[in-house]
C-alpha atoms as a PDB file:
ATOM      1  CA  MET A   1     -13.599 -14.599  -3.675  1.00  0.00           C
ATOM      2  CA  LYS A   2     -12.713 -13.410   0.548  1.00  0.00           C
ATOM      3  CA  VAL A   3     -10.048 -12.004   0.725  1.00  0.00           C
ATOM      4  CA  ASP A   4      -7.113 -14.217   3.789  1.00  0.00           C
ATOM      5  CA  TRP A   5      -6.744 -10.951   4.948  1.00  0.00           C
ATOM      6  CA  HIS A   6      -4.162 -12.453   7.180  1.00  0.00           C
ATOM      7  CA  GLY A   7      -2.123 -14.013   4.695  1.00  0.00           C
ATOM      8  CA  ALA A   8      -3.160 -13.251   1.540  1.00  0.00           C
ATOM      9  CA  GLU A   9      -0.971 -11.510  -1.049  1.00  0.00           C
ATOM     10  CA  LEU A  10      -2.606  -8.074  -0.725  1.00  0.00           C
ATOM     11  CA  THR A  11      -2.788  -5.322  -3.521  1.00  0.00           C
ATOM     12  CA  ARG A  12      -4.420  -2.437  -3.600  1.00  0.00           C
ATOM     13  CA  ALA A  13      -7.080  -4.289  -5.718  1.00  0.00           C
ATOM     14  CA  ALA A  14      -7.985  -6.437  -2.843  1.00  0.00           C
ATOM     15  CA  VAL A  15     -11.851  -5.392  -2.041  1.00  0.00           C
ATOM     16  CA  ILE A  16     -12.497  -5.137   1.028  1.00  0.00           C
ATOM     17  CA  ASP A  17     -16.048  -7.358   1.613  1.00  0.00           C
ATOM     18  CA  ARG A  18     -17.707  -7.454   4.804  1.00  0.00           C
ATOM     19  CA  HIS A  19     -15.217 -10.093   5.775  1.00  0.00           C
ATOM     20  CA  TYR A  20     -12.951  -7.987   6.288  1.00  0.00           C
ATOM     21  CA  ARG A  21     -10.177  -7.430   8.915  1.00  0.00           C
ATOM     22  CA  HIS A  22      -7.730  -5.133   9.792  1.00  0.00           C
ATOM     23  CA  THR A  23      -4.893  -7.793  10.465  1.00  0.00           C
ATOM     24  CA  GLN A  24      -0.763  -7.301  10.180  1.00  0.00           C
ATOM     25  CA  ASN A  25      -1.003  -8.517   7.173  1.00  0.00           C
ATOM     26  CA  VAL A  26      -3.425  -5.662   5.992  1.00  0.00           C
ATOM     27  CA  ARG A  27      -1.003  -3.653   8.096  1.00  0.00           C
ATOM     28  CA  ARG A  28       2.824  -3.948   6.220  1.00  0.00           C
ATOM     29  CA  PHE A  29       0.743  -4.018   3.407  1.00  0.00           C
ATOM     30  CA  MET A  30      -0.704   0.416   4.359  1.00  0.00           C
ATOM     31  CA  LEU A  31       2.892   0.325   5.614  1.00  0.00           C
ATOM     32  CA  ALA A  32       4.492  -0.344   2.713  1.00  0.00           C
ATOM     33  CA  ALA A  33       1.544   1.778   0.767  1.00  0.00           C
ATOM     34  CA  CYS A  34       2.161   4.992   2.607  1.00  0.00           C
ATOM     35  CA  GLY A  35       5.001   4.739   4.352  1.00  0.00           C
ATOM     36  CA  GLU A  36       6.428   4.211   8.564  1.00  0.00           C
ATOM     37  CA  ALA A  37       3.754   7.046   9.774  1.00  0.00           C
ATOM     38  CA  PHE A  38       1.051   5.505   8.267  1.00  0.00           C
ATOM     39  CA  ARG A  39      -1.614   4.365  11.711  1.00  0.00           C
ATOM     40  CA  PHE A  40      -4.956   2.635  11.683  1.00  0.00           C
ATOM     41  CA  ASP A  41      -7.606   5.519  13.969  1.00  0.00           C
ATOM     42  CA  ARG A  42     -10.956   4.802  14.996  1.00  0.00           C
ATOM     43  CA  ASP A  43     -12.190   7.265  11.612  1.00  0.00           C
ATOM     44  CA  LEU A  44     -10.297   5.890   8.932  1.00  0.00           C
ATOM     45  CA  MET A  45     -11.326   2.199  10.646  1.00  0.00           C
ATOM     46  CA  ALA A  46     -15.235   3.458  10.349  1.00  0.00           C
ATOM     47  CA  TRP A  47     -14.667   4.755   6.624  1.00  0.00           C
ATOM     48  CA  ILE A  48     -14.093   1.807   6.052  1.00  0.00           C
ATOM     49  CA  ARG A  49     -15.915  -0.588   7.306  1.00  0.00           C
ATOM     50  CA  ARG A  50     -18.597   1.685   5.677  1.00  0.00           C
ATOM     51  CA  GLY A  51     -21.325   0.413   3.015  1.00  0.00           C
ATOM     52  CA  VAL A  52     -19.499   1.520   0.588  1.00  0.00           C
ATOM     53  CA  PRO A  53     -17.558  -0.809  -1.347  1.00  0.00           C
ATOM     54  CA  LYS A  54     -14.099  -0.614  -2.059  1.00  0.00           C
ATOM     55  CA  THR A  55     -10.227  -1.264  -2.462  1.00  0.00           C
ATOM     56  CA  LEU A  56      -7.537  -0.999  -0.887  1.00  0.00           C
ATOM     57  CA  GLY A  57      -6.376   1.235  -2.669  1.00  0.00           C
ATOM     58  CA  ASP A  58      -9.583   3.066  -1.893  1.00  0.00           C
ATOM     59  CA  VAL A  59      -7.998   3.010   1.669  1.00  0.00           C
ATOM     60  CA  VAL A  60      -4.474   3.776   0.843  1.00  0.00           C
ATOM     61  CA  ASP A  61      -6.131   6.969  -1.276  1.00  0.00           C
ATOM     62  CA  GLU A  62      -8.411   8.099   1.467  1.00  0.00           C
ATOM     63  CA  TRP A  63      -5.105   8.160   4.290  1.00  0.00           C
ATOM     64  CA  HIS A  64      -3.084  10.464   1.722  1.00  0.00           C
ATOM     65  CA  ARG A  65      -6.026  12.498   1.233  1.00  0.00           C
ATOM     66  CA  ARG A  66      -6.372  13.041   5.199  1.00  0.00           C
ATOM     67  CA  GLN A  67      -2.807  13.965   5.908  1.00  0.00           C
ATOM     68  CA  ARG A  68      -2.434  16.534   3.125  1.00  0.00           C
ATOM     69  CA  GLY A  69      -5.136  18.002   5.377  1.00  0.00           C
ATOM     70  CA  ARG A  70      -3.544  17.506   8.672  1.00  0.00           C
END
């Protein structure tokens, strides 16, 4: 099922597919899940786009993992 990345109520379970877009709606979700320090960067965006199936919850977890490593 295709997700409306612009207007859907997003959850951690939302599956990232080939139609995924870095929209303001996604950014709002990520800010709520990760806090005000959240930023998309090139490495994270490339990680999201890699062919391995993932969810928005996986992206949240990956962002937190990367922050702990800084």
